[in-house]
Amino acid sequence: MISLKNKVALITGASRGIGKETALLFARAGANVVVDYYKNEKEAEKVVDRARKYRVKAFSFQADVGSYNDLRKLFDFTMGKFKRIDILVNNAGIWEYAKINEIKPTELRRTLKVNLEGVFHLTQMVSAVMIKQKSGNIINISSTAGQRGEPFQLPLCCLQRGDHQFNQVLGSRIGSIQYQGQLRCPGMGGYQYEPKTFERREGRDFESYPDEKSGPT
């Protein structure tokens, strides 16, 4: 395993799933970690406790990635603790499983704020630090939905495609200062979902909605 000793990693959505395992992997490699969570403080503290067993500094912080003010507080908290950020993992994300005519305006706006605006704002804050440090690594966890059409996932597909383009442009803009941007697109098996995510899916057959099958039109 590579050494991340004394590096500082900030991971959003790190109380479970990919974010949790990423935080623990970095801690095992010697990095100090900040575990962002939205609702589940208990699970976030479990991640922190496990990370500290690797003799690193670890803290949890509650922040809604869809809120600019919360992201600013998360950023300020991390800088206050460590004075630097070496690794940012934009992992937090949401999606609503629904046909296009079932998606509510509030759901669309919420998905936009968390999945795209949140990534933009936090990356903007952290990249300024990395430019001063002349080094840094930003990892954006996206989705295969940004690479191809997926049934019942129209907002996610559009926004994740935006994430992909954002990552490409970001790398070309600040690549000269040793910034390393990475995009990771795990399949559905890589995530943990809220039980309500699939409420609209139950009892449905994709064949009933040929207009929303995956694939080119």
N, C-alpha and C. Protein backbone atom coordinates (compact mmCIF):
# COMPACT_ATOMS: atom_id res chain seq x y z
N MET A 1 0.83 -1.20 0.00
CA MET A 1 0.00 0.00 0.00
C MET A 1 0.86 1.26 0.00
N ILE A 2 0.46 2.26 -0.77
CA ILE A 2 1.19 3.52 -0.80
C ILE A 2 1.04 4.23 0.54
N SER A 3 1.97 5.11 0.84
CA SER A 3 1.91 5.85 2.09
C SER A 3 1.28 7.23 1.87
N LEU A 4 0.32 7.56 2.72
CA LEU A 4 -0.30 8.89 2.73
C LEU A 4 -0.03 9.57 4.07
N LYS A 5 1.05 9.22 4.69
CA LYS A 5 1.37 9.73 6.02
C LYS A 5 1.39 11.25 6.04
N ASN A 6 0.64 11.79 7.01
CA ASN A 6 0.53 13.23 7.24
C ASN A 6 -0.25 13.98 6.18
N LYS A 7 -0.80 13.28 5.20
CA LYS A 7 -1.68 13.92 4.23
C LYS A 7 -3.04 14.16 4.89
N VAL A 8 -3.80 15.10 4.34
CA VAL A 8 -5.13 15.41 4.86
C VAL A 8 -6.16 15.15 3.78
N ALA A 9 -7.13 14.30 4.10
CA ALA A 9 -8.17 13.94 3.13
C ALA A 9 -9.55 14.36 3.65
N LEU A 10 -10.29 15.02 2.79
CA LEU A 10 -11.67 15.42 3.08
C LEU A 10 -12.59 14.62 2.17
N ILE A 11 -13.51 13.87 2.76
CA ILE A 11 -14.40 13.00 1.99
C ILE A 11 -15.85 13.34 2.31
N THR A 12 -16.63 13.67 1.30
CA THR A 12 -18.05 13.96 1.52
C THR A 12 -18.85 12.65 1.44
N GLY A 13 -19.97 12.65 2.15
CA GLY A 13 -20.81 11.45 2.17
C GLY A 13 -20.06 10.24 2.67
N ALA A 14 -19.35 10.39 3.78
CA ALA A 14 -18.41 9.35 4.22
C ALA A 14 -18.90 8.53 5.41
N SER A 15 -20.17 8.61 5.74
CA SER A 15 -20.67 7.81 6.86
C SER A 15 -21.00 6.38 6.45
N ARG A 16 -21.02 6.12 5.14
CA ARG A 16 -21.35 4.77 4.68
C ARG A 16 -20.89 4.59 3.23
N GLY A 17 -21.02 3.37 2.74
CA GLY A 17 -20.75 3.08 1.34
C GLY A 17 -19.34 3.41 0.89
N ILE A 18 -19.24 3.93 -0.33
CA ILE A 18 -17.95 4.25 -0.93
C ILE A 18 -17.18 5.27 -0.11
N GLY A 19 -17.89 6.29 0.38
CA GLY A 19 -17.22 7.32 1.18
C GLY A 19 -16.60 6.76 2.44
N LYS A 20 -17.31 5.91 3.12
CA LYS A 20 -16.81 5.27 4.34
C LYS A 20 -15.56 4.44 4.05
N GLU A 21 -15.64 3.59 3.05
CA GLU A 21 -14.51 2.71 2.74
C GLU A 21 -13.30 3.52 2.27
N THR A 22 -13.56 4.62 1.57
CA THR A 22 -12.47 5.48 1.13
C THR A 22 -11.77 6.12 2.33
N ALA A 23 -12.55 6.62 3.27
CA ALA A 23 -11.99 7.24 4.47
C ALA A 23 -11.13 6.24 5.25
N LEU A 24 -11.62 5.03 5.39
CA LEU A 24 -10.87 4.01 6.13
C LEU A 24 -9.61 3.57 5.39
N LEU A 25 -9.70 3.49 4.07
CA LEU A 25 -8.53 3.11 3.28
C LEU A 25 -7.44 4.18 3.39
N PHE A 26 -7.84 5.45 3.31
CA PHE A 26 -6.87 6.54 3.44
C PHE A 26 -6.25 6.55 4.84
N ALA A 27 -7.07 6.32 5.85
CA ALA A 27 -6.56 6.30 7.22
C ALA A 27 -5.55 5.16 7.40
N ARG A 28 -5.88 4.03 6.82
CA ARG A 28 -4.97 2.89 6.89
C ARG A 28 -3.62 3.22 6.24
N ALA A 29 -3.67 4.07 5.20
CA ALA A 29 -2.44 4.46 4.51
C ALA A 29 -1.72 5.61 5.21
N GLY A 30 -2.31 6.11 6.31
CA GLY A 30 -1.62 7.12 7.11
C GLY A 30 -2.17 8.53 7.00
N ALA A 31 -3.26 8.72 6.25
CA ALA A 31 -3.82 10.06 6.08
C ALA A 31 -4.74 10.45 7.23
N ASN A 32 -4.71 11.70 7.59
CA ASN A 32 -5.71 12.25 8.50
C ASN A 32 -6.98 12.51 7.70
N VAL A 33 -8.13 12.24 8.29
CA VAL A 33 -9.36 12.31 7.50
C VAL A 33 -10.44 13.14 8.18
N VAL A 34 -11.22 13.84 7.34
CA VAL A 34 -12.42 14.51 7.78
C VAL A 34 -13.60 13.81 7.11
N VAL A 35 -14.49 13.28 7.94
CA VAL A 35 -15.63 12.49 7.48
C VAL A 35 -16.88 13.37 7.46
N ASP A 36 -17.27 13.78 6.27
CA ASP A 36 -18.51 14.56 6.14
C ASP A 36 -19.71 13.63 6.13
N TYR A 37 -20.78 14.06 6.81
CA TYR A 37 -22.03 13.29 6.78
C TYR A 37 -23.20 14.27 6.75
N TYR A 38 -24.35 13.78 6.30
CA TYR A 38 -25.54 14.63 6.21
C TYR A 38 -26.49 14.39 7.37
N LYS A 39 -26.84 13.13 7.63
CA LYS A 39 -27.83 12.81 8.66
C LYS A 39 -27.31 11.87 9.74
N ASN A 40 -26.54 10.87 9.34
CA ASN A 40 -26.24 9.76 10.24
C ASN A 40 -24.97 10.01 11.06
N GLU A 41 -25.11 10.79 12.12
CA GLU A 41 -23.97 11.11 12.98
C GLU A 41 -23.38 9.86 13.62
N LYS A 42 -24.24 8.94 14.04
CA LYS A 42 -23.79 7.73 14.71
C LYS A 42 -22.85 6.92 13.82
N GLU A 43 -23.24 6.73 12.57
CA GLU A 43 -22.41 5.96 11.65
C GLU A 43 -21.12 6.71 11.31
N ALA A 44 -21.21 8.03 11.21
CA ALA A 44 -20.01 8.84 10.94
C ALA A 44 -19.00 8.70 12.06
N GLU A 45 -19.49 8.70 13.30
CA GLU A 45 -18.59 8.56 14.44
C GLU A 45 -17.96 7.17 14.48
N LYS A 46 -18.67 6.18 14.00
CA LYS A 46 -18.09 4.83 13.92
C LYS A 46 -16.92 4.82 12.94
N VAL A 47 -17.09 5.53 11.84
CA VAL A 47 -16.01 5.62 10.85
C VAL A 47 -14.80 6.32 11.47
N VAL A 48 -15.06 7.41 12.18
CA VAL A 48 -13.98 8.15 12.84
C VAL A 48 -13.24 7.27 13.84
N ASP A 49 -14.00 6.53 14.65
CA ASP A 49 -13.38 5.65 15.64
C ASP A 49 -12.50 4.60 14.98
N ARG A 50 -12.98 4.03 13.89
CA ARG A 50 -12.20 3.01 13.20
C ARG A 50 -10.95 3.62 12.56
N ALA A 51 -11.11 4.83 12.02
CA ALA A 51 -9.96 5.50 11.40
C ALA A 51 -8.87 5.78 12.43
N ARG A 52 -9.27 6.20 13.61
CA ARG A 52 -8.29 6.55 14.65
C ARG A 52 -7.49 5.34 15.13
N LYS A 53 -7.99 4.16 14.89
CA LYS A 53 -7.25 2.96 15.26
C LYS A 53 -5.98 2.81 14.44
N TYR A 54 -5.92 3.54 13.33
CA TYR A 54 -4.70 3.53 12.51
C TYR A 54 -3.73 4.62 12.95
N ARG A 55 -4.03 5.23 14.11
CA ARG A 55 -3.18 6.26 14.70
C ARG A 55 -3.06 7.50 13.82
N VAL A 56 -4.19 7.89 13.27
CA VAL A 56 -4.26 9.14 12.51
C VAL A 56 -5.30 10.04 13.18
N LYS A 57 -5.32 11.29 12.79
CA LYS A 57 -6.33 12.21 13.28
C LYS A 57 -7.57 12.09 12.39
N ALA A 58 -8.72 11.99 13.03
CA ALA A 58 -9.96 11.84 12.27
C ALA A 58 -11.08 12.61 12.96
N PHE A 59 -11.88 13.28 12.16
CA PHE A 59 -12.99 14.07 12.69
C PHE A 59 -14.20 13.90 11.78
N SER A 60 -15.38 14.00 12.38
CA SER A 60 -16.61 14.02 11.58
C SER A 60 -17.15 15.44 11.57
N PHE A 61 -17.92 15.75 10.53
CA PHE A 61 -18.52 17.08 10.43
C PHE A 61 -19.82 16.97 9.65
N GLN A 62 -20.89 17.51 10.21
CA GLN A 62 -22.19 17.48 9.55
C GLN A 62 -22.30 18.64 8.56
N ALA A 63 -22.55 18.32 7.31
CA ALA A 63 -22.72 19.35 6.28
C ALA A 63 -23.60 18.83 5.17
N ASP A 64 -24.52 19.65 4.75
CA ASP A 64 -25.37 19.36 3.60
C ASP A 64 -24.61 19.84 2.37
N VAL A 65 -24.21 18.92 1.51
CA VAL A 65 -23.43 19.27 0.33
C VAL A 65 -24.22 20.16 -0.62
N GLY A 66 -25.53 20.16 -0.49
CA GLY A 66 -26.36 21.02 -1.33
C GLY A 66 -26.46 22.44 -0.82
N SER A 67 -25.79 22.74 0.28
CA SER A 67 -25.83 24.08 0.87
C SER A 67 -24.45 24.72 0.79
N TYR A 68 -24.35 25.86 0.14
CA TYR A 68 -23.06 26.56 0.04
C TYR A 68 -22.54 26.93 1.43
N ASN A 69 -23.42 27.40 2.29
CA ASN A 69 -23.00 27.80 3.64
C ASN A 69 -22.44 26.62 4.42
N ASP A 70 -23.08 25.46 4.28
CA ASP A 70 -22.57 24.27 4.96
C ASP A 70 -21.21 23.85 4.42
N LEU A 71 -21.04 23.96 3.12
CA LEU A 71 -19.76 23.60 2.52
C LEU A 71 -18.64 24.54 2.99
N ARG A 72 -18.98 25.81 3.11
CA ARG A 72 -17.99 26.77 3.61
C ARG A 72 -17.59 26.42 5.04
N LYS A 73 -18.56 26.02 5.86
CA LYS A 73 -18.25 25.62 7.24
C LYS A 73 -17.40 24.35 7.26
N LEU A 74 -17.70 23.41 6.38
CA LEU A 74 -16.92 22.18 6.29
C LEU A 74 -15.49 22.48 5.89
N PHE A 75 -15.34 23.34 4.91
CA PHE A 75 -14.01 23.75 4.44
C PHE A 75 -13.24 24.45 5.55
N ASP A 76 -13.89 25.41 6.21
CA ASP A 76 -13.23 26.16 7.28
C ASP A 76 -12.84 25.25 8.45
N PHE A 77 -13.72 24.28 8.75
CA PHE A 77 -13.42 23.32 9.82
C PHE A 77 -12.16 22.53 9.50
N THR A 78 -12.08 22.04 8.27
CA THR A 78 -10.92 21.23 7.85
C THR A 78 -9.64 22.05 7.89
N MET A 79 -9.71 23.26 7.36
CA MET A 79 -8.52 24.13 7.36
C MET A 79 -8.13 24.53 8.78
N GLY A 80 -9.13 24.72 9.63
CA GLY A 80 -8.84 25.06 11.02
C GLY A 80 -8.12 23.94 11.76
N LYS A 81 -8.45 22.71 11.42
CA LYS A 81 -7.83 21.56 12.06
C LYS A 81 -6.44 21.26 11.51
N PHE A 82 -6.27 21.42 10.20
CA PHE A 82 -5.04 20.92 9.58
C PHE A 82 -4.23 21.95 8.79
N LYS A 83 -4.82 23.08 8.47
CA LYS A 83 -4.12 24.14 7.71
C LYS A 83 -3.78 23.74 6.28
N ARG A 84 -4.28 22.61 5.82
CA ARG A 84 -4.03 22.17 4.45
C ARG A 84 -5.04 21.09 4.07
N ILE A 85 -5.19 20.86 2.77
CA ILE A 85 -6.01 19.75 2.27
C ILE A 85 -5.26 19.16 1.09
N ASP A 86 -4.92 17.89 1.19
CA ASP A 86 -4.17 17.22 0.13
C ASP A 86 -5.05 16.41 -0.81
N ILE A 87 -6.15 15.91 -0.26
CA ILE A 87 -7.03 15.07 -1.05
C ILE A 87 -8.48 15.47 -0.79
N LEU A 88 -9.23 15.68 -1.85
CA LEU A 88 -10.67 15.91 -1.74
C LEU A 88 -11.38 14.81 -2.51
N VAL A 89 -12.34 14.16 -1.86
CA VAL A 89 -13.16 13.17 -2.53
C VAL A 89 -14.60 13.66 -2.52
N ASN A 90 -15.07 14.07 -3.68
CA ASN A 90 -16.47 14.48 -3.83
C ASN A 90 -17.31 13.23 -4.07
N ASN A 91 -17.81 12.68 -2.98
CA ASN A 91 -18.51 11.40 -3.06
C ASN A 91 -20.02 11.52 -2.86
N ALA A 92 -20.45 12.49 -2.06
CA ALA A 92 -21.88 12.60 -1.73
C ALA A 92 -22.71 12.82 -2.98
N GLY A 93 -23.84 12.16 -3.04
CA GLY A 93 -24.74 12.32 -4.18
C GLY A 93 -26.10 11.72 -3.90
N ILE A 94 -27.10 12.17 -4.63
CA ILE A 94 -28.45 11.64 -4.48
C ILE A 94 -29.06 11.42 -5.86
N TRP A 95 -30.11 10.63 -5.89
CA TRP A 95 -30.88 10.53 -7.13
C TRP A 95 -32.29 10.05 -6.83
N GLU A 96 -33.21 10.47 -7.66
CA GLU A 96 -34.62 10.09 -7.53
C GLU A 96 -34.97 9.15 -8.68
N TYR A 97 -35.57 8.03 -8.33
CA TYR A 97 -35.93 7.01 -9.31
C TYR A 97 -37.36 7.27 -9.79
N ALA A 98 -37.51 7.84 -10.97
CA ALA A 98 -38.85 8.21 -11.43
C ALA A 98 -38.88 8.44 -12.92
N LYS A 99 -40.06 8.31 -13.52
CA LYS A 99 -40.27 8.69 -14.91
C LYS A 99 -40.20 10.20 -15.01
N ILE A 100 -39.95 10.69 -16.22
CA ILE A 100 -39.77 12.12 -16.41
C ILE A 100 -41.00 12.93 -15.97
N ASN A 101 -42.19 12.39 -16.18
CA ASN A 101 -43.40 13.13 -15.80
C ASN A 101 -43.76 12.99 -14.33
N GLU A 102 -42.93 12.27 -13.57
CA GLU A 102 -43.15 12.12 -12.13
C GLU A 102 -42.16 12.93 -11.29
N ILE A 103 -41.13 13.43 -11.94
CA ILE A 103 -40.09 14.16 -11.20
C ILE A 103 -40.63 15.52 -10.77
N LYS A 104 -40.54 15.80 -9.48
CA LYS A 104 -41.01 17.05 -8.94
C LYS A 104 -39.93 18.13 -9.08
N PRO A 105 -40.34 19.39 -9.26
CA PRO A 105 -39.36 20.48 -9.36
C PRO A 105 -38.41 20.52 -8.17
N THR A 106 -38.93 20.24 -6.97
CA THR A 106 -38.07 20.26 -5.78
C THR A 106 -37.03 19.15 -5.84
N GLU A 107 -37.39 18.00 -6.39
CA GLU A 107 -36.44 16.89 -6.51
C GLU A 107 -35.35 17.21 -7.52
N LEU A 108 -35.74 17.84 -8.62
CA LEU A 108 -34.77 18.21 -9.63
C LEU A 108 -33.78 19.23 -9.09
N ARG A 109 -34.29 20.24 -8.39
CA ARG A 109 -33.42 21.28 -7.84
C ARG A 109 -32.48 20.70 -6.78
N ARG A 110 -33.01 19.80 -5.95
CA ARG A 110 -32.19 19.19 -4.90
C ARG A 110 -31.06 18.35 -5.50
N THR A 111 -31.38 17.59 -6.53
CA THR A 111 -30.37 16.77 -7.19
C THR A 111 -29.30 17.65 -7.82
N LEU A 112 -29.71 18.76 -8.42
CA LEU A 112 -28.76 19.70 -9.01
C LEU A 112 -27.82 20.28 -7.96
N LYS A 113 -28.38 20.68 -6.83
CA LYS A 113 -27.57 21.31 -5.78
C LYS A 113 -26.54 20.35 -5.20
N VAL A 114 -26.95 19.12 -4.96
CA VAL A 114 -26.04 18.15 -4.33
C VAL A 114 -25.03 17.58 -5.33
N ASN A 115 -25.52 17.13 -6.47
CA ASN A 115 -24.69 16.36 -7.39
C ASN A 115 -23.77 17.22 -8.27
N LEU A 116 -24.15 18.46 -8.51
CA LEU A 116 -23.34 19.29 -9.39
C LEU A 116 -22.85 20.57 -8.72
N GLU A 117 -23.77 21.35 -8.17
CA GLU A 117 -23.36 22.60 -7.53
C GLU A 117 -22.45 22.35 -6.33
N GLY A 118 -22.77 21.34 -5.54
CA GLY A 118 -21.95 21.03 -4.37
C GLY A 118 -20.53 20.65 -4.75
N VAL A 119 -20.41 19.85 -5.80
CA VAL A 119 -19.09 19.46 -6.30
C VAL A 119 -18.32 20.69 -6.77
N PHE A 120 -19.00 21.56 -7.49
CA PHE A 120 -18.36 22.77 -8.00
C PHE A 120 -17.87 23.66 -6.86
N HIS A 121 -18.76 23.95 -5.90
CA HIS A 121 -18.41 24.88 -4.83
C HIS A 121 -17.27 24.37 -3.96
N LEU A 122 -17.34 23.10 -3.55
CA LEU A 122 -16.30 22.58 -2.67
C LEU A 122 -14.97 22.47 -3.41
N THR A 123 -15.02 22.07 -4.67
CA THR A 123 -13.80 21.99 -5.46
C THR A 123 -13.19 23.38 -5.64
N GLN A 124 -14.03 24.37 -5.82
CA GLN A 124 -13.55 25.75 -5.95
C GLN A 124 -12.80 26.19 -4.70
N MET A 125 -13.36 25.88 -3.53
CA MET A 125 -12.72 26.25 -2.28
C MET A 125 -11.40 25.51 -2.09
N VAL A 126 -11.43 24.20 -2.28
CA VAL A 126 -10.26 23.37 -2.01
C VAL A 126 -9.16 23.59 -3.05
N SER A 127 -9.53 23.79 -4.31
CA SER A 127 -8.51 23.96 -5.34
C SER A 127 -7.67 25.22 -5.10
N ALA A 128 -8.27 26.24 -4.48
CA ALA A 128 -7.50 27.46 -4.16
C ALA A 128 -6.37 27.13 -3.19
N VAL A 129 -6.65 26.23 -2.24
CA VAL A 129 -5.63 25.78 -1.30
C VAL A 129 -4.57 24.95 -2.01
N MET A 130 -5.01 24.07 -2.90
CA MET A 130 -4.06 23.21 -3.61
C MET A 130 -3.15 24.00 -4.53
N ILE A 131 -3.68 25.08 -5.11
CA ILE A 131 -2.84 25.93 -5.95
C ILE A 131 -1.72 26.55 -5.13
N LYS A 132 -2.04 27.00 -3.92
CA LYS A 132 -1.02 27.57 -3.03
C LYS A 132 -0.01 26.50 -2.60
N GLN A 133 -0.51 25.28 -2.37
CA GLN A 133 0.37 24.18 -1.96
C GLN A 133 1.21 23.65 -3.12
N LYS A 134 0.74 23.95 -4.33
CA LYS A 134 1.35 23.42 -5.56
C LYS A 134 1.22 21.91 -5.66
N SER A 135 0.19 21.38 -5.04
CA SER A 135 -0.08 19.95 -5.14
C SER A 135 -1.47 19.67 -4.61
N GLY A 136 -2.00 18.55 -5.04
CA GLY A 136 -3.32 18.16 -4.55
C GLY A 136 -3.93 17.10 -5.44
N ASN A 137 -4.90 16.41 -4.89
CA ASN A 137 -5.58 15.35 -5.63
C ASN A 137 -7.07 15.44 -5.36
N ILE A 138 -7.85 15.61 -6.42
CA ILE A 138 -9.31 15.67 -6.29
C ILE A 138 -9.90 14.48 -7.01
N ILE A 139 -10.70 13.72 -6.28
CA ILE A 139 -11.34 12.52 -6.83
C ILE A 139 -12.85 12.76 -6.83
N ASN A 140 -13.45 12.71 -7.99
CA ASN A 140 -14.89 12.89 -8.11
C ASN A 140 -15.55 11.53 -8.35
N ILE A 141 -16.42 11.14 -7.43
CA ILE A 141 -17.17 9.89 -7.60
C ILE A 141 -18.44 10.22 -8.37
N SER A 142 -18.54 9.69 -9.55
CA SER A 142 -19.69 9.98 -10.40
C SER A 142 -20.50 8.70 -10.61
N SER A 143 -20.99 8.50 -11.81
CA SER A 143 -21.85 7.35 -12.07
C SER A 143 -21.80 6.99 -13.54
N THR A 144 -22.03 5.72 -13.82
CA THR A 144 -22.14 5.31 -15.22
C THR A 144 -23.36 5.95 -15.89
N ALA A 145 -24.25 6.51 -15.07
CA ALA A 145 -25.42 7.21 -15.63
C ALA A 145 -24.99 8.44 -16.43
N GLY A 146 -23.78 8.95 -16.16
CA GLY A 146 -23.27 10.08 -16.92
C GLY A 146 -22.63 9.66 -18.22
N GLN A 147 -22.50 8.35 -18.43
CA GLN A 147 -21.88 7.84 -19.64
C GLN A 147 -22.90 7.26 -20.61
N ARG A 148 -24.07 6.92 -20.08
CA ARG A 148 -25.10 6.34 -20.94
C ARG A 148 -26.47 6.65 -20.32
N GLY A 149 -27.51 6.56 -21.11
CA GLY A 149 -28.86 6.78 -20.59
C GLY A 149 -29.30 5.63 -19.71
N GLU A 150 -30.01 5.94 -18.64
CA GLU A 150 -30.51 4.91 -17.73
C GLU A 150 -32.01 5.12 -17.51
N PRO A 151 -32.79 4.06 -17.49
CA PRO A 151 -34.23 4.20 -17.26
C PRO A 151 -34.53 4.86 -15.92
N PHE A 152 -35.48 5.78 -15.92
CA PHE A 152 -35.97 6.41 -14.70
C PHE A 152 -34.92 7.26 -13.97
N GLN A 153 -33.87 7.66 -14.67
CA GLN A 153 -32.79 8.40 -14.01
C GLN A 153 -32.40 9.65 -14.80
N LEU A 154 -33.37 10.30 -15.42
CA LEU A 154 -33.05 11.43 -16.29
C LEU A 154 -32.26 12.54 -15.60
N PRO A 155 -32.69 13.05 -14.42
CA PRO A 155 -31.89 14.11 -13.78
C PRO A 155 -30.47 13.66 -13.47
N LEU A 156 -30.32 12.44 -12.96
CA LEU A 156 -28.99 11.93 -12.62
C LEU A 156 -28.11 11.84 -13.85
N CYS A 157 -28.66 11.32 -14.96
CA CYS A 157 -27.87 11.18 -16.19
C CYS A 157 -27.35 12.53 -16.66
N CYS A 158 -28.23 13.54 -16.66
CA CYS A 158 -27.84 14.87 -17.12
C CYS A 158 -26.78 15.48 -16.21
N LEU A 159 -26.99 15.39 -14.90
CA LEU A 159 -26.09 16.03 -13.96
C LEU A 159 -24.75 15.31 -13.87
N GLN A 160 -24.77 13.98 -13.94
CA GLN A 160 -23.50 13.26 -13.88
C GLN A 160 -22.67 13.50 -15.13
N ARG A 161 -23.35 13.72 -16.25
CA ARG A 161 -22.62 14.08 -17.46
C ARG A 161 -21.94 15.43 -17.24
N GLY A 162 -22.62 16.32 -16.56
CA GLY A 162 -22.02 17.60 -16.21
C GLY A 162 -20.79 17.42 -15.34
N ASP A 163 -20.86 16.48 -14.39
CA ASP A 163 -19.71 16.18 -13.55
C ASP A 163 -18.51 15.73 -14.38
N HIS A 164 -18.78 14.91 -15.39
CA HIS A 164 -17.70 14.39 -16.23
C HIS A 164 -17.00 15.53 -16.96
N GLN A 165 -17.79 16.44 -17.54
CA GLN A 165 -17.21 17.57 -18.27
C GLN A 165 -16.47 18.51 -17.31
N PHE A 166 -17.05 18.70 -16.13
CA PHE A 166 -16.41 19.54 -15.12
C PHE A 166 -15.03 19.01 -14.77
N ASN A 167 -14.92 17.70 -14.60
CA ASN A 167 -13.65 17.09 -14.25
C ASN A 167 -12.62 17.29 -15.35
N GLN A 168 -13.03 17.17 -16.61
CA GLN A 168 -12.11 17.34 -17.72
C GLN A 168 -11.60 18.78 -17.80
N VAL A 169 -12.51 19.73 -17.66
CA VAL A 169 -12.12 21.14 -17.75
C VAL A 169 -11.24 21.52 -16.56
N LEU A 170 -11.58 21.04 -15.39
CA LEU A 170 -10.81 21.36 -14.19
C LEU A 170 -9.37 20.88 -14.32
N GLY A 171 -9.20 19.68 -14.81
CA GLY A 171 -7.86 19.13 -14.97
C GLY A 171 -7.02 19.94 -15.93
N SER A 172 -7.62 20.40 -17.01
CA SER A 172 -6.88 21.17 -18.00
C SER A 172 -6.56 22.57 -17.50
N ARG A 173 -7.36 23.07 -16.54
CA ARG A 173 -7.18 24.43 -16.05
C ARG A 173 -6.06 24.54 -15.03
N ILE A 174 -5.99 23.61 -14.08
CA ILE A 174 -4.98 23.75 -13.03
C ILE A 174 -4.01 22.57 -12.99
N GLY A 175 -3.96 21.84 -14.08
CA GLY A 175 -3.04 20.70 -14.13
C GLY A 175 -1.58 21.09 -14.00
N SER A 176 -1.25 22.33 -14.34
CA SER A 176 0.14 22.77 -14.33
C SER A 176 0.72 22.89 -12.93
N ILE A 177 -0.13 22.87 -11.88
CA ILE A 177 0.41 22.99 -10.53
C ILE A 177 0.35 21.64 -9.79
N GLN A 178 0.52 20.57 -10.58
CA GLN A 178 0.59 19.22 -10.03
C GLN A 178 -0.74 18.75 -9.46
N TYR A 179 -1.81 19.43 -9.82
CA TYR A 179 -3.14 18.93 -9.46
C TYR A 179 -3.40 17.64 -10.22
N GLN A 180 -3.99 16.69 -9.54
CA GLN A 180 -4.39 15.45 -10.20
C GLN A 180 -5.88 15.25 -9.98
N GLY A 181 -6.63 15.29 -11.05
CA GLY A 181 -8.07 15.07 -10.96
C GLY A 181 -8.42 13.69 -11.45
N GLN A 182 -9.27 13.00 -10.73
CA GLN A 182 -9.67 11.66 -11.12
C GLN A 182 -11.18 11.53 -11.06
N LEU A 183 -11.74 10.82 -12.02
CA LEU A 183 -13.17 10.57 -12.07
C LEU A 183 -13.39 9.07 -11.95
N ARG A 184 -14.24 8.67 -11.02
CA ARG A 184 -14.55 7.25 -10.83
C ARG A 184 -16.04 7.03 -10.98
N CYS A 185 -16.41 6.02 -11.76
CA CYS A 185 -17.82 5.76 -12.06
C CYS A 185 -18.20 4.33 -11.72
N PRO A 186 -18.41 4.02 -10.45
CA PRO A 186 -18.81 2.66 -10.07
C PRO A 186 -20.22 2.37 -10.52
N GLY A 187 -20.53 1.10 -10.71
CA GLY A 187 -21.90 0.72 -11.04
C GLY A 187 -22.77 0.76 -9.81
N MET A 188 -24.02 0.34 -9.96
CA MET A 188 -24.98 0.43 -8.86
C MET A 188 -24.55 -0.39 -7.65
N GLY A 189 -23.78 -1.44 -7.88
CA GLY A 189 -23.36 -2.29 -6.77
C GLY A 189 -22.42 -1.61 -5.81
N GLY A 190 -21.86 -0.46 -6.22
CA GLY A 190 -20.90 0.21 -5.37
C GLY A 190 -21.50 1.16 -4.36
N TYR A 191 -22.82 1.35 -4.42
CA TYR A 191 -23.45 2.34 -3.56
C TYR A 191 -24.33 1.72 -2.49
N GLN A 192 -24.62 2.52 -1.46
CA GLN A 192 -25.67 2.20 -0.52
C GLN A 192 -26.76 3.24 -0.70
N TYR A 193 -28.02 2.78 -0.76
CA TYR A 193 -29.12 3.69 -1.06
C TYR A 193 -30.08 3.81 0.10
N GLU A 194 -30.78 4.95 0.13
CA GLU A 194 -31.88 5.10 1.06
C GLU A 194 -33.00 4.17 0.61
N PRO A 195 -33.73 3.54 1.57
CA PRO A 195 -34.81 2.63 1.19
C PRO A 195 -35.83 3.27 0.25
N LYS A 196 -36.08 4.57 0.40
CA LYS A 196 -37.10 5.23 -0.41
C LYS A 196 -36.68 5.39 -1.86
N THR A 197 -35.39 5.19 -2.15
CA THR A 197 -34.88 5.41 -3.50
C THR A 197 -35.65 4.60 -4.53
N PHE A 198 -36.01 3.37 -4.16
CA PHE A 198 -36.62 2.48 -5.13
C PHE A 198 -38.14 2.33 -4.94
N GLU A 199 -38.74 3.21 -4.14
CA GLU A 199 -40.17 3.10 -3.90
C GLU A 199 -40.97 3.16 -5.20
N ARG A 200 -40.57 4.04 -6.10
CA ARG A 200 -41.31 4.20 -7.34
C ARG A 200 -41.07 3.04 -8.30
N ARG A 201 -40.03 2.25 -8.02
CA ARG A 201 -39.66 1.17 -8.92
C ARG A 201 -40.48 -0.11 -8.68
N GLU A 202 -40.94 -0.30 -7.46
CA GLU A 202 -41.58 -1.55 -7.08
C GLU A 202 -42.79 -1.85 -7.97
N GLY A 203 -42.83 -3.08 -8.46
CA GLY A 203 -43.97 -3.52 -9.24
C GLY A 203 -43.96 -3.06 -10.68
N ARG A 204 -42.88 -2.42 -11.12
CA ARG A 204 -42.84 -1.91 -12.48
C ARG A 204 -42.02 -2.82 -13.39
N ASP A 205 -42.36 -2.74 -14.64
CA ASP A 205 -41.67 -3.52 -15.66
C ASP A 205 -41.12 -2.54 -16.69
N PHE A 206 -39.83 -2.64 -16.99
CA PHE A 206 -39.25 -1.72 -17.96
C PHE A 206 -39.96 -1.81 -19.31
N GLU A 207 -40.48 -2.98 -19.63
CA GLU A 207 -41.14 -3.14 -20.93
C GLU A 207 -42.39 -2.27 -21.02
N SER A 208 -42.91 -1.86 -19.90
CA SER A 208 -44.11 -1.02 -19.90
C SER A 208 -43.79 0.41 -20.31
N TYR A 209 -42.49 0.75 -20.32
CA TYR A 209 -42.08 2.11 -20.63
C TYR A 209 -40.99 2.09 -21.70
N PRO A 210 -41.33 1.69 -22.92
CA PRO A 210 -40.30 1.57 -23.95
C PRO A 210 -39.63 2.90 -24.27
N ASP A 211 -40.30 4.01 -23.97
CA ASP A 211 -39.73 5.32 -24.26
C ASP A 211 -38.60 5.68 -23.30
N GLU A 212 -38.46 4.92 -22.18
CA GLU A 212 -37.42 5.25 -21.21
C GLU A 212 -36.41 4.13 -21.02
N LYS A 213 -36.31 3.25 -21.98
CA LYS A 213 -35.27 2.22 -21.92
C LYS A 213 -33.92 2.86 -22.14
N SER A 214 -32.87 2.20 -21.64
CA SER A 214 -31.52 2.69 -21.88
C SER A 214 -31.17 2.52 -23.34
N GLY A 215 -30.30 3.40 -23.81
CA GLY A 215 -29.80 3.23 -25.17
C GLY A 215 -30.08 4.40 -26.06
N PRO A 216 -29.49 4.40 -27.25
CA PRO A 216 -29.64 5.51 -28.19
C PRO A 216 -31.04 5.57 -28.76
N THR A 217 -31.42 6.77 -29.22
CA THR A 217 -32.72 6.93 -29.86
C THR A 217 -32.52 7.46 -31.27
